[in-house]
């Protein structure tokens, strides 16, 4: 499998973060690009990649619907291998579905010494409007050091909802006030801009990666 990467940040960065996209938007979407730039501004090297169904949309093969997360787990593992050795610790993760898939392959890669941690930008704890359909079973026993950055009004899991979940003690949560699923707040409500929230995320990721790496 050939993997095309989109890189941001210094090549000799001490920390590399591998990011996969969400279910409906490509690796170069506005939110993914803004997140990658914020991380790169903190001296982190960011590598973005796409799952095959999303890459196929670029070639005129039709708008293939996203497959179940379990189906693309091997593609995430292949991306880790295709990236090859990094200058320092490798953190895997992604936006929404991309972060969920990363969380599903993380423990095996962590146990093998291939990765140092996991970062999820807006984790899809449940489908919107279906809080009973939880996607948290594997998160209860997760062994990989994890940072989940979540908006407090994310329709895939609000702060009130997530506070009631049983999550591994190795999972840290960073809450972004009034952030939605792409971590964007309403400035008139929260007093924060999307750029400020992303800067907070990047700072937190850099500090956290320094601890776990």
Foldseek 3Di string as FASTA:
>chain_A
DDWDKDKAADQLFQEEEEAEEAQPDHCPDPLNVLLRHLLRVVRYMYIYTYQPQVVVVVVPPDNDGGDPLVVCLVVVVVVLVNVPDGNHAYEYAYAASRRLSCQVCVQVCVVVVSHLAYEYQQYQQDPQPCLVRGPCPSQLPRPGQYEYEHEQAESSAHPVRVVPDRGHPSYHYHYQYQQYSSGAHDCVPVVDGSSRSSNVVSVVCVVVVVVRD
